[in-house]
Protein backbone atom coordinates (compact mmCIF):
# COMPACT_ATOMS: atom_id res chain seq x y z
CA MET A 1 0.00 0.00 0.00
CA TYR A 2 1.60 3.27 -1.06
CA CYS A 3 0.50 6.74 -0.03
CA ALA A 4 -3.15 7.43 -0.74
CA CYS A 5 -2.20 10.55 -2.68
CA PRO A 6 1.39 9.90 -3.78
CA SER A 7 3.29 12.83 -5.21
CA THR A 8 4.88 11.92 -8.53
CA HIS A 9 7.54 14.29 -9.87
CA ILE A 10 9.08 14.46 -13.33
CA MET A 11 12.42 16.19 -13.77
CA ASP A 12 15.25 16.65 -16.20
CA ILE A 13 18.51 14.92 -15.37
CA HIS A 14 20.94 17.30 -13.66
CA SER A 15 22.56 17.44 -10.23
CA LYS A 16 20.05 19.91 -8.80
CA SER A 17 17.09 17.73 -9.79
CA ILE A 18 18.66 14.66 -8.20
CA THR A 19 19.27 16.63 -4.99
CA SER A 20 15.58 17.50 -4.93
CA LEU A 21 14.60 13.82 -4.76
CA PRO A 22 13.38 12.80 -1.29
CA HIS A 23 15.25 10.75 1.29
CA ASN A 24 12.18 8.51 1.60
CA SER A 25 11.37 4.94 0.70
CA GLY A 26 9.55 4.49 -2.57
CA VAL A 27 10.05 3.72 -6.25
CA TYR A 28 11.82 5.60 -9.02
CA LEU A 29 10.88 5.35 -12.69
CA TYR A 30 13.28 6.15 -15.54
CA ARG A 31 11.81 7.38 -18.84
CA ASN A 32 13.40 7.81 -22.26
CA ASN A 33 13.00 10.75 -24.66
CA GLN A 34 9.61 9.41 -25.78
CA GLY A 35 8.34 9.36 -22.20
CA VAL A 36 8.32 5.54 -22.11
CA ILE A 37 9.14 3.97 -18.76
CA ILE A 38 12.31 1.94 -19.29
CA TYR A 39 13.14 0.97 -15.70
CA VAL A 40 11.42 0.79 -12.31
CA GLY A 41 13.37 0.37 -9.08
CA LYS A 42 12.63 0.50 -5.38
CA ALA A 43 14.74 2.15 -2.71
CA ILE A 44 14.87 2.76 1.01
CA ASP A 45 16.26 6.20 0.14
CA ILE A 46 15.21 7.32 -3.35
CA GLN A 47 17.75 10.14 -3.73
CA LYS A 48 20.68 8.08 -2.48
CA ARG A 49 19.82 5.18 -4.81
CA VAL A 50 19.33 7.34 -7.93
CA ARG A 51 22.54 9.26 -7.21
CA GLN A 52 24.51 6.00 -7.34
CA TYR A 53 23.63 5.55 -11.02
CA PHE A 54 25.23 8.86 -11.97
CA GLU A 55 28.12 9.23 -9.51
CA HIS A 56 29.54 5.70 -9.87
CA SER A 57 29.10 5.18 -13.60
CA ALA A 58 32.55 3.60 -13.96
CA GLN A 59 31.45 0.73 -11.73
CA LEU A 60 28.26 0.01 -13.65
CA SER A 61 27.73 -3.04 -15.85
CA ILE A 62 27.44 -2.61 -19.62
CA LYS A 63 23.65 -3.03 -19.51
CA THR A 64 23.28 -0.49 -16.70
CA LYS A 65 25.46 2.02 -18.57
CA GLN A 66 23.16 1.60 -21.57
CA LEU A 67 20.21 2.29 -19.29
CA VAL A 68 21.78 5.44 -17.84
CA ASP A 69 22.59 6.78 -21.32
CA THR A 70 18.91 6.36 -22.26
CA ILE A 71 17.39 8.14 -19.24
CA ALA A 72 15.73 11.45 -20.09
CA THR A 73 13.50 12.09 -17.07
CA ILE A 74 12.86 10.59 -13.66
CA ASP A 75 9.58 10.04 -11.83
CA HIS A 76 9.30 8.99 -8.23
CA ILE A 77 6.54 7.84 -5.93
CA THR A 78 7.15 7.92 -2.18
CA THR A 79 5.72 5.17 0.02
CA ILE A 80 5.16 4.81 3.74
CA SER A 81 7.54 1.87 4.09
CA GLU A 82 10.14 -0.21 2.31
CA PHE A 83 7.64 -3.08 2.31
CA ASP A 84 5.18 -0.95 0.35
CA ALA A 85 7.94 0.06 -2.07
CA ILE A 86 8.67 -3.60 -2.89
CA LEU A 87 4.99 -4.27 -3.62
CA LEU A 88 4.60 -1.09 -5.66
CA GLU A 89 7.73 -1.90 -7.69
CA ALA A 90 6.27 -5.31 -8.60
CA LYS A 91 2.93 -3.77 -9.56
CA LEU A 92 4.50 -1.11 -11.80
CA ILE A 93 6.83 -3.61 -13.50
CA SER A 94 3.85 -5.85 -14.19
CA THR A 95 1.88 -2.90 -15.61
CA TYR A 96 4.54 -1.23 -17.76
CA GLN A 97 6.92 -4.14 -18.57
CA PRO A 98 9.95 -1.78 -18.65
CA LYS A 99 12.67 -2.84 -21.08
CA TYR A 100 15.58 -2.80 -18.65
CA ASN A 101 13.71 -4.60 -15.88
CA MET A 102 13.10 -7.42 -18.31
CA ILE A 103 16.82 -7.83 -19.13
CA ALA A 104 18.28 -6.86 -15.74
CA LYS A 105 18.67 -10.46 -14.59
CA ASP A 106 20.50 -11.79 -17.64
CA ASP A 107 17.25 -12.84 -19.29
CA LYS A 108 16.19 -15.07 -16.37
CA SER A 109 12.45 -15.16 -15.83
CA PRO A 110 11.31 -13.02 -12.88
CA ILE A 111 9.76 -14.58 -9.79
CA TYR A 112 6.04 -14.60 -9.03
CA ILE A 113 4.06 -15.68 -5.96
CA ASN A 114 1.42 -18.28 -6.74
CA ILE A 115 -1.69 -18.46 -4.54
CA PRO A 116 -4.01 -21.14 -6.01
CA THR A 117 -7.26 -19.96 -4.44
CA GLN A 118 -9.15 -22.47 -6.59
CA ASP A 119 -7.76 -25.22 -4.34
CA THR A 120 -9.65 -26.07 -1.15
CA LEU A 121 -6.45 -25.66 0.87
CA PRO A 122 -4.16 -23.38 -1.18
CA ILE A 123 -0.40 -23.86 -0.75
CA ILE A 124 1.62 -20.72 -1.52
CA SER A 125 4.66 -21.21 -3.76
CA LEU A 126 7.14 -19.35 -5.95
CA VAL A 127 6.87 -19.76 -9.73
CA ARG A 128 8.25 -18.16 -12.89
CA LYS A 129 4.92 -17.93 -14.69
CA SER A 130 3.12 -14.61 -14.74
CA LYS A 131 -0.44 -15.72 -15.46
CA ASN A 132 -2.78 -15.10 -12.49
CA ASN A 133 0.17 -14.74 -10.11
CA ILE A 134 1.45 -11.86 -7.96
CA GLY A 135 4.61 -10.08 -9.05
CA PRO A 136 7.03 -9.95 -10.70
CA PHE A 137 9.72 -9.70 -8.04
CA GLN A 138 13.29 -9.08 -9.10
CA SER A 139 14.78 -11.96 -7.14
CA THR A 140 13.83 -15.12 -5.29
CA HIS A 141 15.40 -13.62 -2.17
CA VAL A 142 13.02 -10.63 -2.20
CA ALA A 143 9.96 -12.84 -2.73
CA LYS A 144 10.98 -15.20 0.06
CA GLN A 145 11.69 -12.29 2.37
CA LEU A 146 8.21 -10.88 1.74
CA LEU A 147 6.54 -14.20 2.48
CA SER A 148 8.62 -14.67 5.63
CA LEU A 149 7.60 -11.25 6.93
CA ILE A 150 3.92 -11.79 6.19
CA ARG A 151 4.00 -15.30 7.66
CA THR A 152 4.93 -13.91 11.10
CA ILE A 153 1.64 -11.99 10.96
CA ILE A 154 -0.71 -14.35 9.11
CA PRO A 155 0.18 -18.07 9.26
CA PHE A 156 -0.01 -20.20 6.11
CA CYS A 157 1.55 -23.39 4.74
CA ARG A 158 4.21 -23.87 2.06
CA GLN A 159 4.62 -27.64 2.44
CA LYS A 160 2.96 -30.40 0.43
CA ILE A 161 -0.19 -31.71 2.07
CA ARG A 162 0.40 -34.99 3.86
CA LYS A 163 -2.35 -36.77 5.74
CA GLY A 164 -1.20 -36.93 9.32
CA LYS A 165 0.92 -34.72 11.57
CA PRO A 166 1.09 -30.97 11.04
CA CYS A 167 4.24 -29.59 9.41
CA PHE A 168 7.24 -28.38 11.39
CA TYR A 169 6.28 -24.71 10.98
CA THR A 170 3.10 -25.26 12.98
CA HIS A 171 5.26 -25.55 16.09
CA LEU A 172 6.79 -22.16 15.30
CA GLY A 173 3.38 -20.52 14.92
CA LEU A 174 3.96 -19.92 11.20
CA CYS A 175 1.37 -22.43 9.95
CA HIS A 176 -1.99 -22.67 11.69
CA PRO A 177 -4.18 -24.52 11.05
CA CYS A 178 -1.96 -26.81 8.98
CA PRO A 179 -3.57 -28.37 5.86
CA SER A 180 -1.83 -31.69 6.58
CA GLU A 181 -3.69 -31.84 9.87
CA ILE A 182 -6.97 -30.38 8.60
CA VAL A 183 -7.52 -33.31 6.19
CA THR A 184 -7.62 -35.70 9.18
CA PHE A 185 -10.31 -33.81 11.12
CA ASN A 186 -13.92 -34.90 11.43
CA PRO A 187 -16.26 -33.20 8.89
CA LEU A 188 -17.57 -30.52 11.28
CA LYS A 189 -14.13 -29.47 12.58
CA GLN A 190 -12.66 -29.78 9.10
CA LYS A 191 -15.19 -27.36 7.64
CA GLU A 192 -14.41 -24.71 10.26
CA SER A 193 -10.64 -25.19 9.93
CA ILE A 194 -10.83 -24.88 6.13
CA ARG A 195 -12.75 -21.62 6.58
CA VAL A 196 -10.07 -20.24 8.95
CA TYR A 197 -7.20 -21.31 6.70
CA ARG A 198 -8.78 -19.89 3.54
CA ASN A 199 -9.46 -16.63 5.36
CA ASN A 200 -5.75 -16.45 6.22
CA ILE A 201 -4.87 -17.02 2.57
CA HIS A 202 -7.29 -14.25 1.58
CA LEU A 203 -5.57 -11.86 4.02
CA VAL A 204 -2.12 -12.81 2.71
CA LYS A 205 -3.21 -12.15 -0.86
CA ASN A 206 -4.65 -8.76 0.08
CA VAL A 207 -1.41 -7.71 1.77
CA LEU A 208 0.59 -8.75 -1.30
CA LEU A 209 -1.80 -6.79 -3.51
CA GLY A 210 -1.11 -3.66 -1.47
CA LYS A 211 -4.33 -3.74 0.55
CA SER A 212 -2.68 -3.68 3.99
CA ILE A 213 -4.97 -1.06 5.48
CA ALA A 214 -8.08 -3.00 4.42
CA THR A 215 -6.50 -6.13 5.89
CA ARG A 216 -5.87 -4.34 9.17
CA LYS A 217 -9.49 -3.20 9.36
CA GLN A 218 -10.69 -6.75 8.70
CA LEU A 219 -8.46 -8.05 11.50
CA GLU A 220 -9.83 -5.39 13.84
CA ARG A 221 -13.41 -6.41 13.07
CA THR A 222 -12.50 -10.04 13.78
CA MET A 223 -10.80 -9.08 17.05
CA TYR A 224 -13.86 -7.14 18.28
CA ALA A 225 -16.15 -10.00 17.25
CA TYR A 226 -14.17 -12.45 19.39
CA ALA A 227 -14.10 -10.01 22.31
CA LYS A 228 -17.86 -9.54 22.07
CA ILE A 229 -18.45 -13.25 22.70
CA ASN A 230 -15.84 -13.23 25.50
CA ASN A 231 -13.31 -15.26 23.52
CA PHE A 232 -10.49 -13.09 24.83
CA GLU A 233 -7.73 -15.58 24.05
CA GLN A 234 -8.51 -15.48 20.32
CA ALA A 235 -9.08 -11.71 20.48
CA ALA A 236 -5.60 -11.30 21.97
CA TYR A 237 -4.13 -13.46 19.20
CA ILE A 238 -5.72 -11.23 16.55
CA ARG A 239 -4.52 -8.13 18.44
CA ASN A 240 -0.96 -9.44 18.21
CA GLN A 241 -1.41 -9.98 14.46
CA ILE A 242 -2.47 -6.34 14.11
CA GLN A 243 0.58 -5.17 16.06
CA HIS A 244 2.90 -7.23 13.85
CA LEU A 245 1.22 -5.79 10.75
CA ASP A 246 1.73 -2.28 12.13
CA ASP A 247 5.41 -3.08 12.62
CA LEU A 248 5.64 -4.25 9.02
CA LEU A 249 4.05 -1.06 7.70
CA GLN A 250 6.40 1.25 9.58
CA THR A 251 9.08 3.01 7.62
CA HIS A 252 12.40 1.18 7.34
CA PHE A 253 15.68 3.03 7.09
CA ASP A 254 19.09 2.39 5.65
CA PRO A 255 21.38 2.59 8.72
CA SER A 256 24.34 3.72 6.62
CA LEU A 257 22.42 6.88 5.77
CA TYR A 258 22.82 8.16 9.30
CA THR A 259 26.15 6.80 10.55
CA THR A 260 28.42 9.18 8.66
CA THR A 261 28.29 12.88 7.91
CA SER A 262 28.15 13.86 4.25
CA ALA A 263 26.60 16.47 2.02
CA ASP A 264 24.05 13.88 0.86
CA ILE A 265 22.45 13.47 4.27
CA GLY A 266 23.06 16.83 5.92
CA GLU A 267 19.84 18.30 4.58
CA THR A 268 17.84 15.23 5.59
CA ILE A 269 19.05 15.31 9.19
CA GLU A 270 18.51 19.06 9.48
CA ASN A 271 14.97 18.56 8.20
CA GLU A 272 14.31 15.79 10.74
CA LEU A 273 15.63 17.85 13.65
CA ARG A 274 13.67 20.90 12.52
CA ASP A 275 10.45 18.90 12.27
CA LEU A 276 11.00 17.21 15.64
CA LYS A 277 11.51 20.60 17.27
CA GLU A 278 8.29 21.81 15.63
CA ILE A 279 6.40 18.80 17.04
CA LEU A 280 7.73 19.28 20.57
CA THR A 281 7.81 23.09 20.93
CA PRO A 282 4.10 23.43 21.94
CA TYR A 283 4.84 21.20 24.95
CA TYR A 284 8.46 22.14 25.59
CA PRO A 285 8.76 25.82 24.53
CA LYS A 286 12.24 26.15 26.04
CA ILE A 287 13.76 23.71 23.53
CA SER A 288 16.21 25.85 21.58
CA THR A 289 18.41 23.16 20.07
CA LEU A 290 18.56 19.39 19.61
CA ASN A 291 22.32 19.00 19.28
CA ARG A 292 22.43 16.13 21.77
CA ILE A 293 19.60 13.60 21.97
CA GLU A 294 19.83 10.64 24.32
CA CYS A 295 17.67 7.52 24.42
CA ILE A 296 17.38 4.98 27.22
CA ASP A 297 16.09 1.43 26.91
CA ILE A 298 15.85 -1.61 29.19
CA SER A 299 16.38 -5.24 28.21
CA GLN A 300 15.53 -8.06 30.62
CA THR A 301 14.05 -11.54 30.94
CA SER A 302 11.52 -11.65 33.78
CA GLY A 303 13.67 -9.21 35.74
CA MET A 304 16.80 -11.33 35.34
CA ASN A 305 20.10 -10.12 33.86
CA ALA A 306 18.59 -6.69 33.31
CA ALA A 307 20.59 -4.23 31.22
CA GLY A 308 20.13 -0.58 30.41
CA SER A 309 21.46 1.35 27.44
CA LEU A 310 22.10 4.99 26.72
CA VAL A 311 22.75 5.94 23.09
CA VAL A 312 23.43 9.40 21.73
CA LEU A 313 22.71 11.36 18.58
CA ASP A 314 25.29 14.11 18.22
CA HIS A 315 23.85 16.74 15.85
CA GLY A 316 21.62 14.01 14.43
CA ILE A 317 24.48 11.52 13.87
CA ILE A 318 24.93 8.35 15.91
CA ASN A 319 28.01 8.75 18.13
CA THR A 320 29.04 5.37 19.53
CA SER A 321 31.85 6.90 21.60
CA LEU A 322 29.17 8.45 23.82
CA TYR A 323 27.22 5.21 24.35
CA ARG A 324 26.92 3.91 27.89
CA LYS A 325 25.57 0.64 29.29
CA PHE A 326 24.26 -0.11 32.76
CA SER A 327 24.13 -3.38 34.63
CA ILE A 328 20.91 -3.00 36.60
CA ASP A 329 20.72 -4.11 40.22
CA SER A 330 17.41 -5.93 40.06
CA THR A 331 15.34 -8.06 42.37
CA GLY A 332 12.77 -10.64 41.34
CA GLY A 333 9.74 -9.10 39.66
CA GLN A 334 11.25 -5.64 39.27
CA HIS A 335 9.39 -3.62 36.63
CA ASP A 336 10.67 -1.56 33.70
CA THR A 337 9.60 1.64 35.43
CA GLU A 338 11.84 0.98 38.43
CA MET A 339 14.72 0.09 36.15
CA ILE A 340 14.24 3.29 34.12
CA HIS A 341 14.33 5.26 37.40
CA GLN A 342 17.57 3.52 38.39
CA VAL A 343 19.32 4.07 35.04
CA ILE A 344 18.42 7.76 34.83
CA THR A 345 19.51 8.38 38.42
CA ARG A 346 22.88 6.80 37.67
CA ARG A 347 23.18 8.68 34.38
CA LEU A 348 22.54 12.05 36.07
CA HIS A 349 25.15 11.22 38.69
CA HIS A 350 27.79 11.60 35.95
CA THR A 351 28.00 15.38 35.86
CA GLU A 352 31.04 15.11 33.59
CA TRP A 353 28.73 13.90 30.82
CA GLU A 354 27.06 16.70 28.89
CA TYR A 355 23.33 16.89 29.61
CA PRO A 356 21.03 16.18 26.63
CA ASN A 357 18.73 18.68 24.96
CA LEU A 358 16.17 15.88 24.79
CA LEU A 359 15.86 12.54 26.58
CA ILE A 360 13.83 9.78 24.90
CA ILE A 361 12.49 6.77 26.76
CA ASP A 362 11.56 3.56 24.96
CA GLY A 363 8.13 3.09 26.51
CA GLY A 364 4.77 4.58 27.34
CA LYS A 365 3.35 6.85 30.00
CA GLY A 366 4.50 4.69 32.93
CA GLN A 367 8.12 4.73 31.78
CA VAL A 368 8.07 8.47 31.06
CA LYS A 369 6.57 9.17 34.49
CA ALA A 370 9.34 7.12 36.12
CA ALA A 371 11.94 9.10 34.17
CA TYR A 372 10.50 12.42 35.36
CA GLU A 373 10.42 11.18 38.96
CA ALA A 374 14.11 10.31 38.70
CA LEU A 375 14.83 13.74 37.20
CA PHE A 376 12.94 15.60 39.93
CA SER A 377 14.78 13.70 42.64
CA TYR A 378 18.04 15.00 41.20
CA SER A 379 18.87 18.68 41.49
CA ILE A 380 20.14 20.00 38.18
CA SER A 381 20.10 23.60 37.02
CA ILE A 382 18.90 22.86 33.48
CA PRO A 383 15.51 21.15 32.97
CA ILE A 384 15.67 18.24 30.53
CA PRO A 385 12.65 17.59 28.28
CA ILE A 386 11.65 13.90 28.40
CA ILE A 387 9.44 12.11 25.89
CA GLY A 388 8.53 8.48 25.28
CA LEU A 389 7.88 6.43 22.17
CA ALA A 390 5.14 3.83 22.72
CA LYS A 391 6.04 1.02 20.34
CA ARG A 392 2.53 -0.36 19.85
CA PHE A 393 1.40 2.51 17.62
CA GLU A 394 4.59 4.62 17.58
CA HIS A 395 2.85 7.38 19.53
CA ILE A 396 4.99 10.07 21.15
CA ILE A 397 4.38 10.55 24.90
CA VAL A 398 4.81 14.17 26.06
CA GLN A 399 4.18 16.02 29.29
CA ASP A 400 1.15 18.28 28.96
CA SER A 401 0.73 20.38 32.12
CA ASP A 402 0.56 17.83 34.94
CA ALA A 403 -0.50 14.92 32.74
CA PHE A 404 1.03 12.80 30.01
CA LYS A 405 -0.40 12.94 26.51
CA GLU A 406 -0.09 10.70 23.45
CA LEU A 407 0.68 12.45 20.18
CA ARG A 408 -0.37 10.54 17.06
CA ILE A 409 2.18 11.71 14.52
CA PRO A 410 1.94 10.45 10.90
CA LEU A 411 4.75 7.98 10.18
CA THR A 412 5.69 10.00 7.11
CA ARG A 413 6.78 13.05 9.16
CA PRO A 414 10.58 13.44 9.30
CA GLY A 415 10.53 14.24 13.01
CA ILE A 416 9.36 10.79 14.02
CA HIS A 417 12.02 9.14 11.86
CA ILE A 418 14.84 10.41 14.01
CA ILE A 419 13.06 9.24 17.18
CA GLN A 420 12.49 5.78 15.73
CA ARG A 421 16.10 5.54 14.64
CA ILE A 422 17.61 6.29 18.05
CA ARG A 423 14.98 4.12 19.78
CA ASP A 424 15.85 1.15 17.55
CA GLU A 425 19.56 1.68 18.20
CA SER A 426 19.06 1.88 21.98
CA HIS A 427 17.00 -1.32 21.86
CA ARG A 428 19.76 -3.09 19.90
CA PHE A 429 22.48 -1.90 22.28
CA ALA A 430 20.52 -2.85 25.42
CA HIS A 431 19.63 -6.28 24.04
CA GLN A 432 23.25 -6.92 23.07
CA TYR A 433 24.40 -6.26 26.65
CA HIS A 434 21.51 -8.28 28.11
CA VAL A 435 22.49 -11.31 26.01
CA LEU A 436 26.10 -10.95 27.15
CA LYS A 437 24.98 -10.90 30.81
CA ARG A 438 22.87 -14.01 30.26
CA LYS A 439 25.78 -15.87 28.74
CA LYS A 440 28.07 -14.94 31.62
CA ALA A 441 25.43 -16.01 34.13
CA TYR A 442 25.44 -19.53 32.72
CA LEU A 443 29.21 -19.91 32.43
CA PRO A 444 30.64 -22.16 35.16
CA GLU A 445 33.12 -20.57 37.54
CA ILE A 446 36.68 -21.78 37.11
């Protein structure tokens, strides 16, 4: 699903026009002098990807050089996520059959996803035939990756049907109900299981056709229906599917875009910081700069081997030299909020560390409240604005007077991108330390 009203731009090929391309996920379309689309590609960062064609021409293959020499104008369509870009790329290639997409893989047939809905229990597979199939996708890897992502949300089977035990993937929650098991059920249970399985296949097909929002709404209706009849276990299962789908539809970023300073990304980062300041100023009017942003996250397993992380964006760029990790003194059953309080108290104790212009907490209102309580218990001359990022819907938690408020910011706004990026990095760093602590805990003493 790409943006409801995508902005498509046509431009002549020169350095200024390439610079005007967005640092967003989406697709780019190359046209020749006759206005015919000759190539469609997808990118996490449209400008960065297009620039590579023209700045590294010496490294291009013969076919790609021929393509570049033929380009007259460029279109682009931005999407909400990289996932959407992959689906849109396949749809546009199928529609326009661009010349250079057809020869890009050394004349190998492109990959399609086959969903034989005419079968009672459809088994999804990859094929190289275009008729009545979804695609084309430019590689088997991309198609498999798509199916793997969707399968974590909506279970389906890719194994041959065997009468007897369910397939291995049933035990991983990736196939349920399994067709190999359904065929052994009694008629009444079999009928219901077939209905459930076919509904899953229908949802998978809709997602692959770019109908993710419609799929989400259908899942919501199903969740409320189960809740209405007090089947809360099934309602919770559907709720988790919705959350996984939301995760899939969030914007993905190319980490390399933000780990080094260059002219290519300077404007993007400035735009993100400017937009974030605009979002937060109504609630934190004293924010004058966002040169140093810190994010704190907690990683634990039932309170055991708890670890805290502090990561830093220095003028919008990740600065690993400023990272800090905390081994949390925890007792059984200790909650995230208490751990957040402990980490922030210990962080503030280090007066030799520069204070942040903004502190981000990976969590909701409870975690942000705990952070403020830790801040108030520590006497510092400069107030530090604290916000949270609630992962369920990526809502920003801010302090509004004496209460905490959720801000529902569109995922396409640059300001939320920078928050997501530092939150994801703090989660990675905390989890890495938590895993190390777990390993050490199980090592025998010598």
